[in-house]
Every structure is written in structure tokens, then in C-alpha cells.
N, C-alpha and C. Protein backbone atom coordinates (compact mmCIF):
# COMPACT_ATOMS: atom_id res chain seq x y z
N MET A 1 64.98 68.52 82.17
CA MET A 1 64.70 69.43 80.81
C MET A 1 63.22 69.78 81.03
N ARG A 2 62.93 71.03 81.22
CA ARG A 2 61.55 71.54 81.34
C ARG A 2 61.09 72.47 80.15
N ILE A 3 60.09 72.56 79.46
CA ILE A 3 59.17 73.14 78.52
C ILE A 3 58.10 73.84 78.99
N LEU A 4 57.92 75.02 78.94
CA LEU A 4 56.83 75.47 79.27
C LEU A 4 55.79 75.81 77.92
N GLY A 5 54.50 75.48 77.78
CA GLY A 5 53.72 75.47 76.64
C GLY A 5 52.67 76.20 76.86
N ILE A 6 52.68 77.39 76.27
CA ILE A 6 51.51 78.63 76.52
C ILE A 6 50.43 78.51 75.23
N SER A 7 49.40 78.37 75.56
CA SER A 7 48.35 78.49 74.53
C SER A 7 47.96 80.05 74.64
N GLY A 8 47.72 80.60 73.26
CA GLY A 8 47.18 82.16 73.36
C GLY A 8 45.61 82.06 73.29
N SER A 9 45.02 80.89 73.55
CA SER A 9 43.65 80.65 73.50
C SER A 9 43.08 80.69 74.85
N LEU A 10 42.08 81.25 75.18
CA LEU A 10 41.18 80.98 76.57
C LEU A 10 40.38 80.18 76.37
N ARG A 11 39.85 79.79 75.24
CA ARG A 11 38.98 78.82 75.08
C ARG A 11 39.17 77.42 75.92
N THR A 12 38.08 76.79 76.50
CA THR A 12 38.21 75.66 77.02
C THR A 12 38.50 74.29 76.14
N ALA A 13 37.76 74.51 74.89
CA ALA A 13 37.99 73.38 73.90
C ALA A 13 38.95 73.52 72.58
N SER A 14 40.02 74.76 73.23
CA SER A 14 40.96 75.31 72.07
C SER A 14 41.75 74.42 71.53
N SER A 15 41.66 74.57 70.06
CA SER A 15 42.59 73.28 69.23
C SER A 15 43.90 73.99 69.64
N ASN A 16 44.37 74.81 69.88
CA ASN A 16 45.65 75.53 70.08
C ASN A 16 46.12 74.81 71.30
N SER A 17 45.38 74.52 72.50
CA SER A 17 45.62 73.95 73.60
C SER A 17 45.71 72.45 73.69
N ALA A 18 45.12 72.07 72.60
CA ALA A 18 44.96 70.85 72.30
C ALA A 18 46.37 70.26 71.59
N ILE A 19 46.81 71.07 70.90
CA ILE A 19 48.18 70.78 70.00
C ILE A 19 49.11 70.79 71.14
N LEU A 20 49.17 71.60 72.35
CA LEU A 20 50.11 71.74 73.38
C LEU A 20 50.06 70.38 74.30
N ARG A 21 48.71 69.91 74.52
CA ARG A 21 48.60 68.77 75.20
C ARG A 21 49.11 67.64 74.42
N ALA A 22 48.86 67.51 73.08
CA ALA A 22 49.42 66.36 72.27
C ALA A 22 51.21 66.56 72.61
N MET A 23 51.68 67.69 72.56
CA MET A 23 52.98 67.84 72.78
C MET A 23 53.52 67.13 74.10
N ALA A 24 52.78 67.39 74.96
CA ALA A 24 53.03 66.95 76.35
C ALA A 24 53.27 65.37 76.47
N LEU A 25 52.09 64.70 75.69
CA LEU A 25 52.01 63.45 75.52
C LEU A 25 53.15 62.95 74.68
N LEU A 26 53.65 63.71 73.89
CA LEU A 26 54.68 63.12 72.81
C LEU A 26 56.07 63.40 73.31
N ALA A 27 56.24 64.42 74.37
CA ALA A 27 57.77 64.75 74.82
C ALA A 27 58.39 63.28 75.25
N PRO A 28 59.59 63.34 75.03
CA PRO A 28 60.57 62.30 75.57
C PRO A 28 60.13 62.29 77.06
N PRO A 29 60.69 61.11 77.44
CA PRO A 29 60.55 61.11 79.06
C PRO A 29 61.51 61.69 79.83
N PHE A 30 62.51 62.21 79.35
CA PHE A 30 63.31 63.07 80.02
C PHE A 30 63.11 64.65 80.02
N VAL A 31 61.75 64.93 79.28
CA VAL A 31 61.34 66.19 79.25
C VAL A 31 60.08 66.53 80.19
N ASP A 32 60.17 67.49 80.78
CA ASP A 32 58.92 67.75 81.58
C ASP A 32 58.09 68.78 80.73
N PHE A 33 57.05 68.62 80.18
CA PHE A 33 56.12 69.46 79.29
C PHE A 33 55.31 69.86 80.25
N VAL A 34 55.23 71.22 80.66
CA VAL A 34 54.03 71.91 81.58
C VAL A 34 53.26 72.69 80.74
N LEU A 35 52.27 72.52 80.77
CA LEU A 35 51.26 73.68 80.18
C LEU A 35 50.79 74.89 81.49
N TYR A 36 51.16 76.00 80.82
CA TYR A 36 50.70 77.38 81.58
C TYR A 36 49.41 77.61 81.54
N ASP A 37 48.74 77.67 82.89
CA ASP A 37 47.24 77.94 82.91
C ASP A 37 46.74 79.03 83.37
N GLY A 38 47.71 80.15 83.71
CA GLY A 38 47.30 81.38 84.24
C GLY A 38 47.16 82.45 83.17
N LEU A 39 46.89 82.42 81.79
CA LEU A 39 46.95 83.38 81.19
C LEU A 39 45.64 84.50 81.42
N ALA A 40 44.57 83.72 81.83
CA ALA A 40 43.12 84.51 81.94
C ALA A 40 43.22 85.05 83.21
N SER A 41 43.90 84.68 84.11
CA SER A 41 44.03 85.38 85.56
C SER A 41 45.06 86.61 85.62
N LEU A 42 46.00 86.84 84.42
CA LEU A 42 46.80 87.92 84.73
C LEU A 42 46.09 89.27 84.57
N PRO A 43 46.47 90.25 85.43
CA PRO A 43 46.01 91.55 85.41
C PRO A 43 46.54 92.29 83.93
N HIS A 44 45.84 93.32 83.73
CA HIS A 44 46.04 94.12 82.62
C HIS A 44 47.44 94.54 82.67
N PHE A 45 48.37 94.57 81.90
CA PHE A 45 49.89 94.93 82.07
C PHE A 45 49.62 96.63 82.59
N ASN A 46 50.59 96.87 83.41
CA ASN A 46 50.40 98.32 84.18
C ASN A 46 52.03 98.69 84.39
N PRO A 47 52.71 99.26 83.52
CA PRO A 47 54.13 99.65 83.91
C PRO A 47 54.38 100.08 85.20
N ASP A 48 53.46 100.73 85.91
CA ASP A 48 53.80 101.48 87.00
C ASP A 48 53.67 100.18 88.24
N LEU A 49 53.24 99.51 87.97
CA LEU A 49 53.32 98.14 88.90
C LEU A 49 54.63 97.05 88.69
N ASP A 50 55.43 97.69 87.65
CA ASP A 50 56.62 96.78 87.33
C ASP A 50 57.83 97.46 87.18
N ARG A 51 58.16 98.35 88.10
CA ARG A 51 59.22 99.36 88.29
C ARG A 51 60.10 98.78 89.43
N ALA A 52 61.35 99.05 89.38
CA ALA A 52 62.37 98.73 90.49
C ALA A 52 61.94 99.64 91.81
N GLU A 53 61.61 100.83 91.69
CA GLU A 53 61.24 101.66 92.61
C GLU A 53 59.59 101.83 92.84
N ALA A 54 58.85 100.78 92.35
CA ALA A 54 57.34 100.53 92.76
C ALA A 54 57.52 99.99 94.20
N SER A 55 56.48 100.57 94.88
CA SER A 55 56.36 100.26 96.33
C SER A 55 56.03 98.86 96.53
N GLN A 56 55.57 98.31 95.79
CA GLN A 56 55.10 96.93 95.99
C GLN A 56 55.64 95.95 94.81
N ARG A 57 55.62 94.79 94.93
CA ARG A 57 56.12 93.56 94.09
C ARG A 57 55.04 93.62 92.86
N PRO A 58 55.18 93.01 91.62
CA PRO A 58 54.32 93.07 90.66
C PRO A 58 53.08 92.16 91.07
N PRO A 59 51.93 92.07 90.84
CA PRO A 59 50.98 91.21 91.32
C PRO A 59 51.22 89.51 91.17
N CYS A 60 50.71 88.83 92.12
CA CYS A 60 51.11 87.51 92.35
C CYS A 60 51.31 86.80 91.31
N GLU A 61 50.12 86.91 90.24
CA GLU A 61 50.10 86.09 89.00
C GLU A 61 51.17 86.58 88.19
N VAL A 62 51.65 87.60 88.17
CA VAL A 62 52.89 87.96 87.21
C VAL A 62 53.95 87.21 87.67
N CYS A 63 54.34 87.31 88.95
CA CYS A 63 55.41 86.70 89.78
C CYS A 63 55.29 85.26 89.42
N ALA A 64 54.06 84.77 89.29
CA ALA A 64 53.93 83.03 88.99
C ALA A 64 54.54 82.96 87.52
N LEU A 65 54.00 83.88 86.69
CA LEU A 65 54.28 83.72 85.12
C LEU A 65 55.83 83.62 85.24
N ARG A 66 56.37 84.97 85.72
CA ARG A 66 57.70 84.70 85.63
C ARG A 66 58.94 83.95 86.22
N LYS A 67 58.24 83.19 87.31
CA LYS A 67 58.71 81.93 87.73
C LYS A 67 58.67 80.89 87.11
N ASN A 68 57.62 80.61 86.25
CA ASN A 68 57.40 79.56 85.36
C ASN A 68 58.28 79.63 84.30
N ILE A 69 58.60 81.00 83.75
CA ILE A 69 59.31 81.07 82.59
C ILE A 69 60.80 80.87 83.08
N GLY A 70 61.03 81.40 84.09
CA GLY A 70 62.45 81.16 84.66
C GLY A 70 63.04 79.45 85.16
N GLN A 71 61.73 78.95 85.49
CA GLN A 71 62.19 77.31 85.74
C GLN A 71 62.07 76.75 84.28
N SER A 72 61.67 77.01 83.31
CA SER A 72 61.76 76.45 82.10
C SER A 72 63.14 76.75 81.09
N ASP A 73 63.51 75.75 80.62
CA ASP A 73 64.50 75.71 79.75
C ASP A 73 63.94 76.05 78.20
N GLY A 74 62.97 76.07 77.94
CA GLY A 74 62.30 76.42 76.58
C GLY A 74 60.81 76.64 76.82
N VAL A 75 60.24 77.13 75.71
CA VAL A 75 58.93 77.74 75.79
C VAL A 75 58.23 77.47 74.14
N VAL A 76 57.19 76.85 74.26
CA VAL A 76 56.65 76.62 73.15
C VAL A 76 55.03 77.46 72.98
N ILE A 77 54.82 78.38 72.23
CA ILE A 77 53.61 79.12 72.01
C ILE A 77 52.59 78.79 70.92
N GLU A 78 51.54 78.53 71.15
CA GLU A 78 50.62 77.96 70.11
C GLU A 78 49.56 78.98 70.28
N ALA A 79 49.14 79.76 69.18
CA ALA A 79 48.13 81.16 69.47
C ALA A 79 47.38 81.11 68.16
N PRO A 80 46.30 81.59 68.43
CA PRO A 80 45.45 81.70 67.29
C PRO A 80 45.35 82.91 66.91
N GLU A 81 44.68 83.48 65.66
CA GLU A 81 44.82 84.75 65.28
C GLU A 81 43.46 85.49 65.53
N TYR A 82 43.11 86.69 66.07
CA TYR A 82 42.05 87.36 66.26
C TYR A 82 42.19 88.45 65.48
N ALA A 83 41.09 89.00 64.65
CA ALA A 83 41.12 90.36 64.00
C ALA A 83 42.62 90.62 63.40
N HIS A 84 43.17 89.61 62.77
CA HIS A 84 44.94 89.86 62.27
C HIS A 84 45.63 90.10 62.98
N GLY A 85 45.52 89.68 64.43
CA GLY A 85 46.58 90.14 65.33
C GLY A 85 46.51 88.95 66.24
N VAL A 86 47.62 89.27 67.40
CA VAL A 86 47.85 88.40 68.09
C VAL A 86 46.63 88.49 69.30
N PRO A 87 46.45 87.32 70.02
CA PRO A 87 45.26 87.50 70.95
C PRO A 87 45.71 88.43 72.13
N GLY A 88 44.81 89.32 72.54
CA GLY A 88 45.01 90.31 73.81
C GLY A 88 45.78 89.56 74.76
N SER A 89 45.12 88.59 75.41
CA SER A 89 45.52 87.84 76.65
C SER A 89 46.95 87.33 76.31
N LEU A 90 47.32 87.06 75.34
CA LEU A 90 48.79 86.72 74.84
C LEU A 90 49.84 87.89 75.19
N LYS A 91 49.31 88.66 74.45
CA LYS A 91 50.20 90.06 74.47
C LYS A 91 50.28 90.53 75.66
N ASN A 92 49.07 90.56 76.40
CA ASN A 92 49.23 90.96 77.63
C ASN A 92 50.21 90.19 78.50
N ALA A 93 50.27 88.71 78.69
CA ALA A 93 51.39 88.08 79.23
C ALA A 93 52.65 88.49 78.67
N LEU A 94 53.04 88.77 77.49
CA LEU A 94 54.15 89.08 76.66
C LEU A 94 54.74 90.32 77.36
N ASP A 95 53.81 91.32 77.50
CA ASP A 95 54.12 92.81 77.98
C ASP A 95 54.71 92.57 79.24
N TRP A 96 53.98 91.63 80.45
CA TRP A 96 54.57 91.61 81.69
C TRP A 96 55.91 90.84 81.77
N LEU A 97 56.31 90.28 80.56
CA LEU A 97 57.68 89.56 80.54
C LEU A 97 58.77 90.44 80.01
N VAL A 98 58.44 91.57 79.34
CA VAL A 98 59.30 92.46 78.74
C VAL A 98 60.02 92.79 79.67
N GLY A 99 59.96 93.53 81.11
CA GLY A 99 60.88 93.91 82.05
C GLY A 99 61.46 92.71 82.94
N SER A 100 61.28 91.43 82.70
CA SER A 100 61.63 90.51 83.59
C SER A 100 63.00 90.04 83.32
N VAL A 101 63.90 89.67 83.94
CA VAL A 101 65.01 88.82 83.64
C VAL A 101 65.06 87.80 83.19
N GLU A 102 63.81 86.73 83.45
CA GLU A 102 63.77 85.46 83.21
C GLU A 102 63.54 85.26 81.48
N PHE A 103 63.27 86.14 80.83
CA PHE A 103 62.89 85.91 79.56
C PHE A 103 63.87 86.26 78.40
N PRO A 104 64.71 87.01 78.59
CA PRO A 104 65.56 87.13 77.52
C PRO A 104 66.59 86.06 77.39
N GLY A 105 66.91 85.53 75.92
CA GLY A 105 67.63 84.54 75.65
C GLY A 105 66.84 83.18 75.59
N LYS A 106 65.64 83.18 76.19
CA LYS A 106 65.04 81.78 76.33
C LYS A 106 64.56 81.25 74.88
N PRO A 107 65.06 80.10 74.86
CA PRO A 107 64.63 79.54 73.35
C PRO A 107 62.90 79.64 73.29
N VAL A 108 62.26 79.73 72.33
CA VAL A 108 60.91 80.08 72.24
C VAL A 108 60.43 79.58 70.70
N ALA A 109 59.70 78.40 70.87
CA ALA A 109 59.30 78.00 69.42
C ALA A 109 57.80 78.37 69.26
N VAL A 110 57.53 78.75 68.38
CA VAL A 110 56.18 79.34 67.96
C VAL A 110 55.29 78.28 66.90
N ILE A 111 54.43 77.84 66.97
CA ILE A 111 53.70 76.63 66.23
C ILE A 111 52.29 77.58 65.84
N ASN A 112 52.19 77.48 64.52
CA ASN A 112 51.14 78.04 63.89
C ASN A 112 50.41 76.95 62.95
N THR A 113 49.29 76.57 63.24
CA THR A 113 48.67 75.41 62.86
C THR A 113 47.69 75.80 61.71
N SER A 114 47.37 77.12 61.58
CA SER A 114 46.47 77.53 60.56
C SER A 114 47.26 78.16 59.46
N PRO A 115 47.19 77.99 58.27
CA PRO A 115 47.63 78.39 56.93
C PRO A 115 46.95 79.80 56.63
N ARG A 116 45.99 80.23 57.29
CA ARG A 116 45.32 81.56 57.26
C ARG A 116 45.91 82.51 58.10
N ALA A 117 46.47 82.08 59.19
CA ALA A 117 47.06 82.93 60.31
C ALA A 117 48.43 83.51 59.97
N ILE A 118 48.32 84.54 59.03
CA ILE A 118 49.55 84.93 58.87
C ILE A 118 50.00 86.29 59.68
N HIS A 119 48.94 86.81 59.79
CA HIS A 119 49.57 88.14 60.48
C HIS A 119 49.96 88.08 62.13
N ALA A 120 48.96 87.25 62.83
CA ALA A 120 49.39 87.04 64.19
C ALA A 120 50.61 86.47 64.28
N ASP A 121 51.19 85.38 63.52
CA ASP A 121 52.13 84.65 63.44
C ASP A 121 53.52 85.70 63.13
N ALA A 122 53.21 86.37 62.18
CA ALA A 122 54.53 87.40 61.97
C ALA A 122 54.62 88.29 63.13
N GLN A 123 53.53 89.02 63.64
CA GLN A 123 53.42 89.86 64.90
C GLN A 123 53.92 88.99 66.12
N LEU A 124 53.73 88.05 66.31
CA LEU A 124 54.30 87.30 67.51
C LEU A 124 55.67 87.16 67.40
N ARG A 125 56.25 86.53 65.92
CA ARG A 125 57.69 86.41 65.97
C ARG A 125 58.38 87.79 66.33
N GLU A 126 57.91 88.86 65.74
CA GLU A 126 58.44 90.25 65.94
C GLU A 126 58.40 90.49 67.30
N ILE A 127 57.44 90.43 68.04
CA ILE A 127 57.23 90.81 69.32
C ILE A 127 58.40 90.03 70.01
N LEU A 128 58.44 88.54 69.98
CA LEU A 128 59.70 87.68 70.53
C LEU A 128 60.98 87.91 70.28
N ILE A 129 61.21 88.51 69.25
CA ILE A 129 62.56 88.98 68.63
C ILE A 129 62.75 90.08 69.29
N THR A 130 62.07 90.99 69.54
CA THR A 130 62.07 92.64 70.32
C THR A 130 62.53 92.05 71.47
N MET A 131 61.89 91.02 72.34
CA MET A 131 61.85 90.84 73.60
C MET A 131 63.31 90.18 73.90
N SER A 132 64.21 89.60 72.83
CA SER A 132 65.11 88.97 72.98
C SER A 132 65.15 87.64 73.25
N ALA A 133 64.07 87.03 72.76
CA ALA A 133 63.86 85.34 72.63
C ALA A 133 64.66 84.85 71.71
N LYS A 134 65.02 83.69 71.98
CA LYS A 134 66.04 83.01 70.86
C LYS A 134 64.97 81.99 70.29
N LEU A 135 64.41 82.73 69.01
CA LEU A 135 63.22 82.02 68.27
C LEU A 135 63.88 80.83 67.56
N ILE A 136 62.98 79.66 67.78
CA ILE A 136 63.41 78.43 67.02
C ILE A 136 62.64 78.20 65.94
N GLU A 137 62.95 78.58 64.81
CA GLU A 137 62.34 78.11 63.56
C GLU A 137 61.81 76.63 63.68
N MET A 138 60.38 76.65 63.17
CA MET A 138 59.93 75.44 62.98
C MET A 138 59.15 75.20 61.68
N GLY A 139 59.09 74.13 61.09
CA GLY A 139 58.51 74.28 59.77
C GLY A 139 56.85 74.30 60.00
N PRO A 140 56.11 74.83 59.31
CA PRO A 140 54.58 74.74 59.58
C PRO A 140 54.06 73.21 60.03
N ILE A 141 53.29 73.28 60.77
CA ILE A 141 52.34 72.28 61.32
C ILE A 141 50.99 72.06 61.30
N ALA A 142 50.62 71.65 59.89
CA ALA A 142 49.14 71.91 59.35
C ALA A 142 48.21 70.94 59.95
N VAL A 143 47.31 71.50 60.29
CA VAL A 143 46.24 70.65 61.05
C VAL A 143 45.15 70.93 59.69
N PRO A 144 44.52 69.69 59.27
CA PRO A 144 43.87 69.75 57.82
C PRO A 144 42.62 70.57 58.13
N TYR A 145 42.47 71.31 57.27
CA TYR A 145 41.38 72.26 57.07
C TYR A 145 40.54 71.83 55.70
N ASP A 146 41.33 71.37 54.86
CA ASP A 146 40.76 70.88 53.61
C ASP A 146 39.71 69.63 53.50
N ALA A 147 38.76 69.78 53.26
CA ALA A 147 37.83 68.60 53.15
C ALA A 147 38.70 67.23 52.88
N LYS A 148 39.29 67.26 51.63
CA LYS A 148 39.83 65.74 51.29
C LYS A 148 40.94 65.27 52.58
N GLU A 149 41.80 66.51 53.00
CA GLU A 149 42.64 66.12 53.86
C GLU A 149 42.21 65.44 55.22
N ILE A 150 40.98 65.87 55.28
CA ILE A 150 40.27 65.44 56.57
C ILE A 150 39.74 64.06 56.34
N ALA A 151 39.01 64.13 55.24
CA ALA A 151 38.35 62.58 54.80
C ALA A 151 39.54 61.43 54.73
N PHE A 152 40.93 61.96 54.33
CA PHE A 152 41.79 60.89 53.92
C PHE A 152 42.65 60.72 55.36
N ASP A 153 42.25 61.37 56.45
CA ASP A 153 43.09 61.07 57.73
C ASP A 153 41.85 60.10 58.54
N LEU A 154 42.71 58.79 58.73
CA LEU A 154 41.95 57.87 59.23
C LEU A 154 41.12 58.03 60.52
N THR A 155 42.00 58.65 61.39
CA THR A 155 41.15 58.96 62.75
C THR A 155 39.93 59.81 62.59
N LEU A 156 40.33 61.05 61.82
CA LEU A 156 39.26 62.03 61.72
C LEU A 156 38.13 61.21 60.70
N SER A 157 38.32 60.62 59.70
CA SER A 157 37.47 60.06 59.00
C SER A 157 36.63 58.99 59.78
N ASP A 158 37.15 58.18 60.59
CA ASP A 158 36.26 57.27 61.27
C ASP A 158 35.45 57.99 62.10
N LYS A 159 35.66 59.15 62.68
CA LYS A 159 34.84 59.90 63.88
C LYS A 159 33.74 60.34 63.02
N LEU A 160 34.23 61.02 61.73
CA LEU A 160 33.02 61.61 60.88
C LEU A 160 31.97 60.71 60.31
N ARG A 161 32.50 59.33 60.15
CA ARG A 161 31.56 58.11 59.64
C ARG A 161 30.84 57.90 60.76
N ALA A 162 31.21 57.92 62.03
CA ALA A 162 30.45 57.45 62.93
C ALA A 162 29.30 58.42 63.27
N ALA A 163 29.78 59.64 63.32
CA ALA A 163 28.49 60.81 63.42
C ALA A 163 27.58 60.74 62.37
N LEU A 164 28.00 60.46 61.22
CA LEU A 164 26.95 60.43 60.06
C LEU A 164 26.17 59.32 59.91
N SER A 165 26.77 58.14 60.67
CA SER A 165 25.80 56.99 60.62
C SER A 165 24.75 56.97 61.93
N ASP A 166 25.10 57.87 62.97
CA ASP A 166 24.61 58.01 64.15
C ASP A 166 23.35 59.27 63.31
N LEU A 167 23.73 60.16 62.94
CA LEU A 167 22.87 61.14 62.14
C LEU A 167 21.67 60.45 61.33
N ILE A 168 21.98 59.58 60.25
CA ILE A 168 21.35 58.77 59.48
C ILE A 168 20.29 57.88 60.26
N GLU A 169 20.94 57.25 61.49
CA GLU A 169 19.92 56.42 62.07
C GLU A 169 19.13 57.25 62.81
N ALA A 170 19.21 58.31 63.23
CA ALA A 170 18.28 58.97 64.15
C ALA A 170 17.24 59.58 63.07
N MET A 171 17.55 60.10 61.75
CA MET A 171 16.87 60.53 60.86
C MET A 171 15.96 59.54 60.42
N GLN A 172 15.90 58.04 60.39
CA GLN A 172 15.17 56.98 59.88
C GLN A 172 14.28 56.40 60.94
N ASP A 173 14.38 56.93 62.21
CA ASP A 173 13.56 56.56 63.28
C ASP A 173 12.18 57.50 63.18
N PRO A 174 10.86 56.81 63.32
CA PRO A 174 10.07 57.66 62.91
C PRO A 174 9.70 58.62 64.28
């Protein structure tokens, strides 16, 4: 069983990508959880390059994306919200998949970890439904943004205490 994780963020230190990496670590042994890393290299969508009567095949990056989708039994998408919308790089990838035979009917789970990101989440779900994805509903996965939630998270609070301790120590040195 193979799951393809797609992060809608291009940032190296993206929390969206971190969520997918965590899912890869947590996946059962019988699941191959693969992270797609080609989002930034996809060319801008051009329907003239994606027609049956086109003189050439779509760009190799597009073929690689479609092959990844075709080899996967399911897809997980984790994306941020930019200016109340789906990130352009993710929308570009989805546009390349509209005309593909690999995507329709594919089970797709959308993860939204930001309670403030309501516009992009709704847009992404609408796009995926329009593309004939088999949308898998998941409950919200909240990453704590509230100070009390963070403070009561043992892992986060230990890291914050250590940082505070280092800062205080540095402030005390003349």
C-alpha cells in the first residue's frame, strides 16, 4: 500500500511538510508513505502542452507527478492558506492533474492544522471534488496556537523552558 503526501508549502521549514513527515514515521509497516518533492519544479500549467494532439508529451516533471499519483493508492494533502486561498504552487500541480487518467477516483485526505485557514481548506476540497477525487473526511488536526495549549504540551513546554533558560543565562553574563 502506497500513500503520497503532498505539502502545499515550498518552505524548507514548513510545518505542513513536518506534519507529513510525522505521518510517514507513524505509518504502519505495511504502508509506504512517500513525500512528493517536485512541487517547486513543476512548470506553469499550460493546456496546450497537455492535449492528446499535442506534438510532444507534457514536461517530464508533469509526467513524474502523474506517475507518482498513479503508483499511489491514496494521497494526503497538507497545505497552508495564502491570502485566503490555496497556494499557487499546489493549485498549479492540481491543474496538471485535471486532464490525467491517474487522479480521478483516487482517495484523497486533506489535512488542515490551522483553525484560521478556512478559505483555502474549502477551496481545496471543492477543487478536489471537481477533479473527481474520493475525498476522505478527516476530523480537524489542531496544532496548538493558543499559549496555554502550547504551555501544557510537555514536549513544547520543555523546549520553551530550555530556550528561556539559555536566554536568561545569556542576559546574566556581563
